[in-house]
Protein backbone atom coordinates (compact mmCIF):
# COMPACT_ATOMS: atom_id res chain seq x y z
CA MET A 1 -49.81 78.90 -31.66
CA TYR A 2 -47.97 81.81 -30.06
CA PRO A 3 -47.82 85.41 -31.28
CA CYS A 4 -44.31 85.49 -32.66
CA ASP A 5 -42.41 84.87 -35.86
CA VAL A 6 -39.47 82.86 -34.52
CA PRO A 7 -39.52 79.63 -36.54
CA SER A 8 -39.68 76.14 -35.15
CA ARG A 9 -36.55 74.02 -35.07
CA ARG A 10 -38.27 71.95 -37.70
CA ALA A 11 -38.17 74.82 -40.18
CA VAL A 12 -35.18 73.34 -41.98
CA ARG A 13 -37.35 70.58 -43.43
CA PRO A 14 -40.95 69.35 -43.44
CA ARG A 15 -42.15 67.63 -40.31
CA ARG A 16 -42.58 63.94 -40.98
CA ARG A 17 -42.47 62.51 -37.46
CA PRO A 18 -41.77 63.78 -33.96
CA ARG A 19 -38.09 64.47 -33.38
CA TRP A 20 -38.08 64.00 -29.61
CA ARG A 21 -36.06 67.08 -28.94
CA PRO A 22 -36.55 70.03 -26.63
CA ARG A 23 -39.55 72.05 -27.74
CA TRP A 24 -38.91 75.22 -25.78
CA LEU A 25 -37.37 77.20 -28.61
CA SER A 26 -40.28 76.39 -30.87
CA ARG A 27 -42.81 77.45 -28.22
CA TRP A 28 -41.49 79.02 -25.06
CA LEU A 29 -38.69 80.97 -26.73
CA ARG A 30 -41.05 82.15 -29.46
CA ALA A 31 -43.33 83.48 -26.74
CA LEU A 32 -40.52 84.96 -24.69
CA THR A 33 -38.84 86.78 -27.56
CA ALA A 34 -41.97 88.29 -29.08
CA ALA A 35 -41.46 91.97 -29.86
CA VAL A 36 -44.37 93.75 -28.15
CA PRO A 37 -44.56 97.25 -26.66
CA ALA A 38 -44.99 98.40 -23.08
CA VAL A 39 -44.35 95.43 -20.79
CA GLY A 40 -43.30 93.54 -23.92
CA LEU A 41 -44.52 90.11 -22.90
CA ALA A 42 -46.06 87.57 -25.22
CA VAL A 43 -48.80 86.70 -22.75
CA VAL A 44 -49.80 90.36 -22.63
CA ALA A 45 -49.76 90.60 -26.42
CA ALA A 46 -52.02 87.58 -26.62
CA HIS A 47 -54.49 88.85 -24.01
CA PRO A 48 -54.11 92.66 -23.80
CA ALA A 49 -57.42 93.29 -22.14
CA ALA A 50 -56.81 90.83 -19.35
CA ALA A 51 -53.28 91.73 -18.30
CA THR A 52 -51.45 94.42 -16.40
CA ALA A 53 -47.88 94.65 -15.17
CA ARG A 54 -46.63 95.24 -11.67
CA GLN A 55 -43.51 94.89 -9.60
CA ALA A 56 -44.82 93.03 -6.59
CA PRO A 57 -41.96 91.50 -4.59
CA ASP A 58 -44.20 90.42 -1.73
CA GLY A 59 -46.90 89.08 -4.03
CA THR A 60 -44.68 87.32 -6.56
CA PRO A 61 -44.57 83.91 -4.81
CA ALA A 62 -48.35 83.92 -4.55
CA LEU A 63 -48.68 84.91 -8.19
CA LEU A 64 -46.33 82.14 -9.34
CA ARG A 65 -48.16 79.62 -7.19
CA ARG A 66 -51.47 80.70 -8.71
CA LEU A 67 -50.07 80.33 -12.22
CA ALA A 68 -48.64 76.90 -11.36
CA ARG A 69 -52.05 75.82 -10.07
CA GLU A 70 -53.62 77.06 -13.28
CA VAL A 71 -51.20 74.85 -15.22
CA VAL A 72 -52.36 71.86 -13.16
CA ALA A 73 -55.99 72.86 -13.63
CA ALA A 74 -55.34 72.98 -17.39
CA GLY A 75 -54.25 69.34 -17.35
CA ALA A 76 -50.63 69.03 -16.15
CA PRO A 77 -50.13 66.17 -13.67
CA GLY A 78 -47.53 68.19 -11.76
CA VAL A 79 -45.42 71.34 -11.81
CA LEU A 80 -42.15 72.28 -10.12
CA VAL A 81 -40.88 75.85 -10.11
CA ARG A 82 -37.72 77.33 -8.65
CA VAL A 83 -36.75 80.96 -9.19
CA ASP A 84 -33.75 82.77 -7.69
CA ASP A 85 -33.33 86.44 -8.57
CA GLY A 86 -30.06 86.60 -6.64
CA ARG A 87 -31.49 89.02 -4.09
CA GLY A 88 -33.02 86.80 -1.46
CA ARG A 89 -34.54 83.42 -0.73
CA PRO A 90 -35.48 81.49 -3.89
CA VAL A 91 -39.14 80.84 -4.63
CA GLU A 92 -39.87 77.09 -4.72
CA ILE A 93 -43.24 75.68 -5.72
CA ALA A 94 -44.61 72.16 -6.13
CA GLU A 95 -48.17 71.67 -7.38
CA GLN A 96 -49.82 68.46 -8.53
CA ALA A 97 -53.14 67.03 -9.62
CA ALA A 98 -55.05 65.30 -6.82
CA TRP A 99 -55.10 61.97 -8.65
CA THR A 100 -51.28 61.79 -8.70
CA ARG A 101 -50.99 61.81 -4.90
CA ARG A 102 -51.68 58.09 -4.71
CA ASP A 103 -48.29 57.60 -6.42
CA HIS A 104 -46.18 60.32 -4.82
CA VAL A 105 -46.43 63.64 -3.02
CA LEU A 106 -44.43 66.01 -5.23
CA LYS A 107 -41.65 67.92 -3.45
CA THR A 108 -39.50 70.82 -4.62
CA GLY A 109 -36.31 68.81 -4.14
CA ASP A 110 -37.40 65.81 -6.22
CA GLU A 111 -35.23 64.42 -9.01
CA PHE A 112 -36.51 64.40 -12.59
CA ARG A 113 -35.39 63.62 -16.15
CA MET A 114 -33.48 66.58 -17.60
CA GLY A 115 -33.68 65.48 -21.23
CA SER A 116 -31.69 67.73 -23.53
CA ASN A 117 -30.44 69.93 -20.72
CA THR A 118 -27.86 67.12 -20.67
CA LYS A 119 -26.23 68.80 -23.66
CA THR A 120 -24.99 71.68 -21.52
CA MET A 121 -23.14 69.28 -19.22
CA VAL A 122 -21.71 67.32 -22.13
CA ALA A 123 -20.44 70.53 -23.71
CA VAL A 124 -18.79 71.45 -20.41
CA LEU A 125 -16.98 68.10 -20.37
CA VAL A 126 -15.63 68.73 -23.86
CA LEU A 127 -14.49 72.24 -22.98
CA GLN A 128 -12.75 71.00 -19.85
CA LEU A 129 -10.73 68.61 -22.00
CA VAL A 130 -10.04 71.45 -24.44
CA ALA A 131 -8.65 73.50 -21.55
CA GLU A 132 -6.43 70.55 -20.64
CA GLY A 133 -5.12 70.27 -24.19
CA ARG A 134 -6.64 66.84 -24.78
CA LEU A 135 -9.18 68.01 -27.37
CA ALA A 136 -9.58 70.96 -29.73
CA LEU A 137 -12.87 72.35 -31.00
CA THR A 138 -11.35 72.28 -34.48
CA ASP A 139 -10.68 68.54 -34.28
CA PRO A 140 -12.50 66.69 -37.06
CA VAL A 141 -14.65 63.86 -35.77
CA ASP A 142 -12.60 61.48 -37.92
CA LYS A 143 -9.61 62.12 -35.69
CA TRP A 144 -11.33 60.35 -32.81
CA LEU A 145 -13.93 58.19 -34.55
CA PRO A 146 -12.26 57.24 -37.83
CA GLY A 147 -14.73 55.98 -40.41
CA GLN A 148 -17.73 56.13 -38.07
CA VAL A 149 -19.26 59.34 -39.43
CA PRO A 150 -19.65 59.86 -43.19
CA GLY A 151 -17.86 63.06 -44.09
CA GLY A 152 -16.33 63.12 -40.63
CA GLY A 153 -13.19 64.73 -41.92
CA ALA A 154 -15.11 67.96 -42.47
CA ILE A 155 -17.21 67.88 -39.27
CA THR A 156 -15.53 69.45 -36.26
CA LEU A 157 -16.33 69.05 -32.58
CA ARG A 158 -17.56 72.64 -32.59
CA MET A 159 -20.09 71.79 -35.32
CA LEU A 160 -21.34 68.82 -33.32
CA LEU A 161 -21.80 70.98 -30.23
CA ASN A 162 -23.55 73.91 -31.92
CA HIS A 163 -25.74 71.85 -34.28
CA THR A 164 -24.18 72.91 -37.56
CA SER A 165 -22.88 69.44 -38.50
CA GLY A 166 -25.81 68.59 -40.80
CA LEU A 167 -26.16 65.13 -39.26
CA TYR A 168 -29.59 63.51 -39.39
CA ASP A 169 -31.28 63.34 -35.99
CA TYR A 170 -31.43 59.73 -34.79
CA THR A 171 -34.66 60.44 -32.89
CA ASP A 172 -36.38 60.60 -36.28
CA ASP A 173 -35.57 56.93 -36.90
CA PRO A 174 -38.48 54.57 -36.09
CA ALA A 175 -36.03 52.13 -34.51
CA ILE A 176 -35.83 54.36 -31.43
CA ARG A 177 -39.59 54.51 -30.97
CA PRO A 178 -40.03 51.36 -28.81
CA SER A 179 -37.44 52.73 -26.38
CA LEU A 180 -39.06 56.14 -26.02
CA LEU A 181 -42.42 54.42 -25.50
CA GLY A 182 -40.87 52.37 -22.70
CA LYS A 183 -41.31 49.06 -24.50
CA ASP A 184 -37.67 48.28 -25.27
CA ARG A 185 -35.05 48.13 -22.49
CA ARG A 186 -32.00 47.72 -24.71
CA ARG A 187 -28.92 49.67 -23.68
CA TRP A 188 -28.22 52.46 -26.14
CA THR A 189 -24.54 53.36 -26.03
CA PRO A 190 -23.30 56.59 -27.64
CA ALA A 191 -21.79 54.49 -30.44
CA LYS A 192 -25.11 52.73 -31.13
CA LEU A 193 -27.04 55.99 -31.17
CA LEU A 194 -24.46 57.50 -33.51
CA ALA A 195 -24.71 54.50 -35.84
CA LEU A 196 -28.49 54.89 -35.91
CA GLY A 197 -28.21 58.52 -36.97
CA VAL A 198 -25.50 58.20 -39.60
CA ARG A 199 -27.22 55.42 -41.48
CA HIS A 200 -29.27 58.30 -42.93
CA ALA A 201 -27.91 60.84 -45.37
CA PRO A 202 -26.88 64.18 -43.83
CA LEU A 203 -29.28 67.09 -44.18
CA PHE A 204 -26.67 69.49 -45.55
CA ALA A 205 -22.93 70.03 -45.85
CA PRO A 206 -21.07 70.64 -42.57
CA GLY A 207 -21.20 74.22 -41.36
CA VAL A 208 -23.75 75.46 -43.92
CA ARG A 209 -26.56 76.17 -41.46
CA TRP A 210 -28.09 75.28 -38.10
CA SER A 211 -30.32 72.27 -37.46
CA TYR A 212 -30.83 70.60 -34.08
CA SER A 213 -29.32 67.12 -34.05
CA ASN A 214 -29.17 64.68 -31.17
CA THR A 215 -26.87 62.58 -33.35
CA GLY A 216 -24.18 65.25 -33.00
CA TYR A 217 -24.19 64.76 -29.25
CA ALA A 218 -24.11 60.99 -29.61
CA ALA A 219 -20.88 61.54 -31.57
CA VAL A 220 -19.55 63.88 -28.88
CA GLY A 221 -20.30 61.29 -26.21
CA ALA A 222 -18.45 58.63 -28.17
CA VAL A 223 -15.47 60.99 -28.52
CA LEU A 224 -15.44 61.73 -24.79
CA GLU A 225 -15.42 58.04 -23.90
CA ARG A 226 -12.72 57.34 -26.49
CA VAL A 227 -10.42 60.14 -25.33
CA THR A 228 -10.80 59.56 -21.60
CA GLY A 229 -11.30 55.80 -21.48
CA THR A 230 -14.09 56.61 -19.00
CA SER A 231 -17.87 56.31 -19.19
CA LEU A 232 -20.04 59.40 -19.48
CA ALA A 233 -21.65 58.50 -16.17
CA ALA A 234 -18.27 58.63 -14.46
CA LEU A 235 -17.29 61.85 -16.24
CA VAL A 236 -20.48 63.63 -15.11
CA ARG A 237 -19.97 62.32 -11.59
CA ASP A 238 -16.27 63.10 -11.21
CA ARG A 239 -15.97 66.35 -13.16
CA ILE A 240 -19.28 68.06 -12.37
CA ALA A 241 -21.57 66.45 -9.78
CA ARG A 242 -19.06 65.66 -7.02
CA PRO A 243 -16.99 68.86 -7.26
CA LEU A 244 -20.16 70.95 -7.04
CA GLY A 245 -21.88 68.80 -4.42
CA LEU A 246 -24.79 67.92 -6.69
CA GLY A 247 -26.25 65.03 -4.74
CA HIS A 248 -29.21 64.47 -7.06
CA THR A 249 -27.43 64.80 -10.41
CA TYR A 250 -26.21 61.82 -12.42
CA TYR A 251 -26.05 60.37 -15.90
CA ALA A 252 -28.68 57.62 -15.84
CA THR A 253 -27.48 54.17 -16.86
CA GLY A 254 -30.86 52.52 -16.39
CA PRO A 255 -34.45 53.24 -15.35
CA SER A 256 -33.74 53.37 -11.61
CA TRP A 257 -33.75 56.57 -9.58
CA ARG A 258 -31.39 57.33 -6.71
CA GLY A 259 -33.59 59.58 -4.61
CA SER A 260 -37.14 60.84 -4.27
CA TYR A 261 -38.36 61.63 -7.78
CA ALA A 262 -41.14 63.40 -9.60
CA ARG A 263 -43.52 61.05 -11.37
CA GLY A 264 -44.00 61.75 -15.07
CA TYR A 265 -47.24 60.95 -16.89
CA GLU A 266 -48.89 61.00 -20.28
CA PRO A 267 -52.56 60.38 -21.12
CA ASP A 268 -53.33 56.76 -21.90
CA ALA A 269 -54.30 55.74 -25.43
CA ALA A 270 -57.99 56.36 -24.82
CA HIS A 271 -57.36 59.89 -23.58
CA GLN A 272 -54.66 61.08 -25.97
CA PRO A 273 -55.52 64.31 -27.81
CA PRO A 274 -56.30 63.82 -31.51
CA ALA A 275 -53.03 65.49 -32.52
CA VAL A 276 -50.95 62.63 -31.11
CA PRO A 277 -50.08 60.18 -33.92
CA ALA A 278 -51.34 56.63 -33.53
CA ALA A 279 -47.81 55.23 -33.39
CA PHE A 280 -47.10 57.17 -30.17
CA ARG A 281 -50.34 56.60 -28.26
CA ARG A 282 -49.56 53.39 -26.38
CA LEU A 283 -46.89 53.92 -23.76
CA ALA A 284 -45.71 51.27 -21.32
CA GLY A 285 -46.29 51.80 -17.62
CA PRO A 286 -48.90 51.60 -14.82
CA ARG A 287 -52.27 53.11 -15.71
CA HIS A 288 -54.85 54.94 -13.65
CA ASP A 289 -57.04 58.03 -13.88
CA GLY A 290 -56.71 58.12 -17.66
CA HIS A 291 -52.90 58.36 -17.54
CA VAL A 292 -49.78 56.23 -17.85
CA ASP A 293 -47.00 56.59 -15.30
CA VAL A 294 -43.89 56.72 -17.49
CA SER A 295 -41.38 57.48 -14.75
CA GLY A 296 -40.12 53.89 -14.87
CA HIS A 297 -38.93 54.30 -18.47
CA ASP A 298 -35.22 54.05 -19.20
CA PRO A 299 -33.94 57.42 -20.50
CA GLY A 300 -30.93 55.70 -22.05
CA TRP A 301 -32.19 56.39 -25.57
CA GLY A 302 -31.36 60.02 -24.83
CA GLY A 303 -27.71 59.11 -24.23
CA PRO A 304 -25.27 62.05 -24.33
CA ALA A 305 -28.13 64.13 -25.72
CA GLY A 306 -30.55 63.54 -22.85
CA ALA A 307 -29.85 60.96 -20.10
CA VAL A 308 -28.99 63.19 -17.12
CA VAL A 309 -31.18 63.28 -14.01
CA SER A 310 -31.11 66.30 -11.68
CA SER A 311 -33.22 68.56 -9.46
CA THR A 312 -34.16 72.23 -9.48
CA ARG A 313 -31.66 73.07 -6.73
CA ASP A 314 -28.82 71.08 -8.26
CA TRP A 315 -29.30 72.67 -11.65
CA ALA A 316 -29.32 76.15 -10.16
CA ARG A 317 -25.99 75.37 -8.52
CA PHE A 318 -24.66 73.98 -11.80
CA HIS A 319 -25.72 77.06 -13.76
CA ALA A 320 -24.23 79.37 -11.13
CA ALA A 321 -20.91 77.51 -11.24
CA LEU A 322 -20.85 77.38 -15.02
CA MET A 323 -21.66 81.00 -15.78
CA SER A 324 -19.43 82.37 -13.00
CA GLY A 325 -16.38 80.52 -14.35
CA ARG A 326 -15.98 77.83 -11.68
CA LEU A 327 -16.27 74.96 -14.15
CA LEU A 328 -14.39 76.44 -17.11
CA PRO A 329 -11.49 78.83 -17.67
CA ALA A 330 -12.40 82.18 -19.21
CA ALA A 331 -11.34 81.18 -22.73
CA GLN A 332 -13.52 78.07 -22.75
CA LEU A 333 -16.46 79.88 -21.16
CA ALA A 334 -16.22 82.40 -23.99
CA GLU A 335 -16.34 79.53 -26.49
CA LEU A 336 -19.43 78.14 -24.77
CA ARG A 337 -21.12 81.53 -25.22
CA THR A 338 -20.10 81.95 -28.86
CA THR A 339 -23.38 81.45 -30.69
CA VAL A 340 -24.68 80.85 -34.18
CA PRO A 341 -28.11 82.15 -35.27
CA MET A 342 -30.88 79.60 -35.17
CA ASP A 343 -32.79 81.48 -37.84
CA PRO A 344 -30.71 82.78 -40.78
CA ARG A 345 -33.29 85.51 -41.30
CA ARG A 346 -32.57 86.84 -37.82
CA PRO A 347 -28.81 86.93 -37.31
CA ASP A 348 -29.30 88.95 -34.14
CA GLY A 349 -32.11 86.73 -32.88
CA PRO A 350 -32.00 83.59 -30.71
CA GLY A 351 -28.63 81.89 -30.80
CA TYR A 352 -27.13 78.52 -29.93
CA GLY A 353 -23.68 78.26 -28.39
CA LEU A 354 -21.96 75.08 -27.27
CA GLY A 355 -24.73 73.17 -25.53
CA ILE A 356 -26.51 76.34 -24.48
CA GLN A 357 -29.12 78.70 -25.95
CA THR A 358 -29.64 82.42 -25.55
CA ALA A 359 -32.17 85.06 -26.50
CA ALA A 360 -33.15 88.59 -25.61
CA HIS A 361 -36.35 88.95 -23.62
CA PRO A 362 -37.98 92.23 -22.58
CA CYS A 363 -37.10 91.36 -18.98
CA GLY A 364 -33.47 90.47 -19.75
CA THR A 365 -31.19 88.33 -21.91
CA PHE A 366 -31.30 84.76 -20.73
CA TRP A 367 -29.15 81.69 -21.26
CA GLY A 368 -30.15 78.08 -20.75
CA HIS A 369 -31.64 74.99 -22.33
CA ASP A 370 -34.67 72.77 -22.14
CA GLY A 371 -35.36 69.09 -22.30
CA GLY A 372 -38.28 66.89 -23.19
CA MET A 373 -39.03 63.19 -23.08
CA PRO A 374 -42.26 61.39 -22.22
CA GLY A 375 -43.44 62.57 -18.83
CA TYR A 376 -40.98 65.44 -18.43
CA LEU A 377 -40.65 68.87 -19.99
CA THR A 378 -38.03 71.05 -18.33
CA THR A 379 -36.75 74.56 -18.95
CA ASN A 380 -33.67 75.94 -17.18
CA LEU A 381 -32.69 79.61 -17.42
CA THR A 382 -29.93 81.80 -16.03
CA ASP A 383 -28.40 85.19 -16.64
CA ARG A 384 -24.90 85.78 -17.99
CA THR A 385 -23.30 85.68 -14.54
CA GLY A 386 -25.19 82.73 -13.04
CA GLY A 387 -26.43 84.96 -10.24
CA ARG A 388 -30.05 84.48 -11.33
CA THR A 389 -31.53 81.06 -12.12
CA ALA A 390 -34.91 79.51 -12.84
CA THR A 391 -36.35 76.08 -13.57
CA VAL A 392 -39.82 74.96 -14.60
CA LEU A 393 -40.76 71.28 -14.82
CA ILE A 394 -44.05 70.13 -16.31
CA ALA A 395 -44.69 66.46 -15.52
CA ALA A 396 -45.95 65.68 -19.03
CA GLU A 397 -44.48 66.26 -22.48
CA TYR A 398 -46.80 65.08 -25.26
CA TRP A 399 -48.90 68.26 -25.10
CA ALA A 400 -45.84 70.21 -26.31
CA GLU A 401 -44.17 67.62 -28.54
CA PHE A 402 -47.30 67.20 -30.64
CA GLU A 403 -48.82 70.68 -30.13
CA ALA A 404 -51.74 68.72 -28.74
CA ASP A 405 -53.23 70.86 -25.97
CA PRO A 406 -53.63 74.63 -26.61
CA LYS A 407 -55.26 75.18 -23.21
CA LEU A 408 -52.32 73.71 -21.34
CA ALA A 409 -49.86 75.48 -23.63
CA LYS A 410 -51.47 78.83 -22.83
CA ALA A 411 -51.26 78.21 -19.08
CA VAL A 412 -47.64 77.08 -19.29
CA GLN A 413 -46.74 80.11 -21.38
CA ALA A 414 -48.13 82.45 -18.72
CA LEU A 415 -46.21 80.65 -15.98
CA GLN A 416 -42.95 80.59 -17.89
CA THR A 417 -43.21 84.27 -18.76
CA ALA A 418 -43.82 85.16 -15.12
CA VAL A 419 -40.92 82.98 -14.02
CA THR A 420 -38.56 84.65 -16.47
CA CYS A 421 -39.49 88.15 -15.35
CA THR A 422 -39.28 87.16 -11.70
CA MET A 423 -35.76 85.85 -12.30
CA PHE A 424 -34.78 89.28 -13.60
CA SER A 425 -36.66 91.15 -10.83
CA LYS A 426 -38.84 92.78 -13.45
CA PRO A 427 -42.60 93.44 -13.61
CA VAL A 428 -44.67 90.30 -13.92
CA PRO A 429 -47.75 90.22 -16.17
CA VAL A 430 -50.83 89.61 -14.08
CA THR A 431 -53.74 87.95 -15.89
CA GLY A 432 -57.30 87.43 -14.90
């Protein structure tokens, strides 16, 4: 779909069913890391006749707002944007489709599902315990979860965190489908999610290559609870949210929200794009205007891989604290940033560290993660110091998960590219 040769995360095996993982590195990162001349931006490469570059500090908020409105016009129910280039007041934008206002007026401080951005926080928890001498990245999973992971004697905590364990992704198992559709309210503990994943054969021997696996983080969550005797919700609260004053950040233990929240939507069955498989078309939730409100779904099926709730401002504060060394000692922060290539053909290309991703972009090298679950697609970026941060939330996810809406994808790509360059105080491609 995008003009780049970075492979999808699914490249390690044929796609048989959606994997309910973040899709940014298979779309947004492919666009952002495209090697093009001049301004070097994928959106310019795709539409060279309709784009120019400019450094327009005074016009940048207006440009970003226009691009956010174009995303809504292309079909997104809502968009949140926050960009801080470290040089002045952050740009904050909330745009929504008119039909969504009957449910909620979207605000820049609203909470939303973070999906797989959760992995960054979970990795921080592990590294904090490593700094305290309670865990080691070289610990085999069998040390803490004896007999629970086949081949666990050869799988280390580091492999779980950087997706080189070879474990099958539990989100590929049909048993999870009723939960992600909002039709099953069972409580998925880390142990139950781990058991779901390991009932399948591993994809490859530990450490052989990289393949994104939510099961690895289910195992990490089970280890954290075993070692500390404390729930993940309490660990996130006591070790990250409270110390940093993150009043809208928590590990969800049910479908309820704690503050004002962004509503997430997907098209109803009659309005789903053809690319959406039949098994995923009927979501639970209130219906109107051709959409289903999925914000009442329980994100518990994401567990340690995806259950955190946060806001744009909270996540910017988290990223700033993480990358500046407030949350981790220097040695553990260095471990977090130690990456493995996501594509063996490009050893110097996009890399995955411990719960965090990185890639070089023409506007600057960024770090961050993304997260996707029905109703919510979020990308969070920062620079190496945490002095620059950016977040984009799209209040729908199917269009990306199933590559179902090229028009919306094109509009989101333009917005995300502009956001990234704004974060680095670099020229923004202007289209139209």
